[in-house]
Amino acid sequence: MLNGGRYDGLGVEEPASATSPSKAVKALQEALRGSPTSARPRRSSPTTEPKPKNTFERGEDFIPFSLDFDEEDGANRRKGKEREREREREEHVREWDRGKRKVTDSPGKKRKVDERDIDDGYANKKQRVDAACRRAPWVYDVDWESCNNVAEMLHREVEAFNRYITPTPVEDEVRGMVIAIVSNAITKQFPDAKVHPFGSYETKLYLPLGDIDLVVHSDSMAYSNKVTVLHALANTMKRSGVTDKVSIIAKAKVPIIKFVTTHGRLSVDVSVNQVNGVPVVKMIQHFLKALPALKPLVMIIKTFMHQRSMNEVFTGGLGSYSLVCMVISFLQMHPKIRRGEIDPSQNLGVLVMEFFELYGCYFNYHEVGISLRDGGTYFSKAKRGWLKPNQSQLLSIEDPADPSNDISKGSYGINRVRTTLAGAHGIMTAAAYLRAGMLSARRGGRAVRPHDPEEMSILSSVLGVTQETVNHRKQVQDVFDSGVLHRMLGVSSPENHGSRSRSRSRSRSRSRTQSASPVSSPVEERAVDKREPPRKRRRTGTSQDVHTAYFTTDEEEEGVIYVERSVSPKGRSRRPAFSGRNRSYWLSKGAGESEDEYELTP
């Protein structure tokens, strides 16, 4: 091989000359022929070694290697010119600019972000952002000073979280009104149809961002094409004003329509003639009465799984029904609860950590399945015929309503769920040891300052409340206060039953909340628009107009209408101007010219 003018295989050390390249070629050819005038191969040791076989034989074509001298000269000239330019730049550099970083003509490169671990447990960027902004508002409802040990701290924190995340009466009523509106729209179009809610709404185990599950029972729909029925239901929902966009999922195992309500932004799933959901609700309600610790544990586990996008079966996670059955089996099979040694309702914190430990570290997913019958048992997957050779790691849960049905067979991402539960147990264990040190320091008088409530929390190390949840709860409260759902149902608004003073104070507090809150409700933006109506609309205004700059309170029946305060660009408030030209418009709205009738609220 020719390497820089030397043929390594034969030991020729004649460099290729730039002036006479033919001599180098002749020398190389003579060496290949084995001419006596050429240099002989050197032997490194007296031992005989087999001579390397010549790859070139006499008579074959040989292409000599040569350098392109024109290209080399051109490259040298370019380098020389670049050096001259650099010297000129250095000569013309100002004294105060010397030593600074040189500005190149090439475009700047994008600064690389820090490397992150792709296996951090989050599926997308939204989950990472939500995890970074999660808060623990429930910790301010815990009396940390009276806690004697870590188990008591965690138990009280679980109770406080359950109180915070449990649906409020307003949230439950808003969901009930949405169900009533959907039911009225469907029964009006299909007289023989009956709409029944099921799932987490009936058991009251839903989260603030949870959806509403509805099933339509109809004999006429049973004998019709499923796709046609789903399209008819979607058109009915659009015409009723509940939503403006409906998604039809016709090829799923259970065909449904999905939509988000216009008022309150609640997710609704509607299925047709699925009769297996309603009996399950009664069974879960029975377990909730028999096991008081069931509800707090379910709310915590559901929140934990929801914040990691592991709560949907079609993405490989565990559904709500499977999670509830897992918690019920955990409480049934707990040895200390079976022997009556502990009260589960007084040891919620320890039970949460043991749930993560059992299903994250010790449960035998490959051979054992879960059954809730006969007080709770485990069964062999192989004997039941539920053991799949290639997917033995899948979780098997027997359906209490149908023993032949495996409700968790579609959760193909159970390995990821198991790893996440094990990680949560490790994190909470480390946090518990740290809080134990804080309690010990406080008892020994070594605490320097009182600890912040969020620093004392153990549960906040694995879950929290996102800003999305807070905004959604506020939006649901605003929808309830506006009474828009009450008007759609034709029932009296809750504000009409209050007194004049109470409604005025409610309006003032609501206006302060709206001015202080950074999130505005889309319902209020539609109901109260600050744009002035066009001139033609002003002369012929009707009660159908909803874009005017006023809102009514409980005093509307008494003839008092409070007009929104308009603020000038300089911050000074001005009274609404009533001119003769728009007098007829305001009179059509019921507003007079009296000073008291449009007196601004402070």
Foldseek 3Di string as FASTA:
>chain_A
DQDQQADVLFGADGHQDPVDNPVSVVQVVCVLVVPPVHDGRDDPDPDDDDRDDDPDDPPDDDDDDDDDVVVVVVVVVVVVVVVVVVVVVVVPDDPVCPPDDDDDPDDDDDDDDDDDDPPPLADDDVLVVQLVFFDAVLLVVDDVVPDQALLQVLLRSLVSVLVVFQDDPLLLVLVVLLQVLLQVLVCVVPVQKGKDWFDCSLVSLAGLQGATEIEIEGPVCVPDDVVVVQVVSQVSCCVSQQFPDKAWDCPDPFTWIWGFGPALRHIYIYGYPDPVGVVVSVVLNVVCVVQVLLRSLLNLVVQLCVSRVQQDLQVLHHHSVRSSQLSQQLCLPPVCNVVVNDRCSSRNSVSNLVSLCCLQPPDDQQFWAWEPPPSIDIDGCVVLVNHDPVQSNWYFYADPVHRNDGRRPSNSVSVSVSNLSNVLSVQLVVLSVVLRVVSVCVVVVNDPDDDDSRSNDSSSSRGGDGPVSVLSVVSSVVSLQQCPSVVSVVHDRPQLPDDPVVFLVVVVVVVVVQVPDPDDHPVVCQQAADDDDDLVCLQVPAPVDRHHHFDAGNCVVVLATEGDWDADPVGDTDFDDDDPSNQNSVVNVSAHPDCRRHPHDD
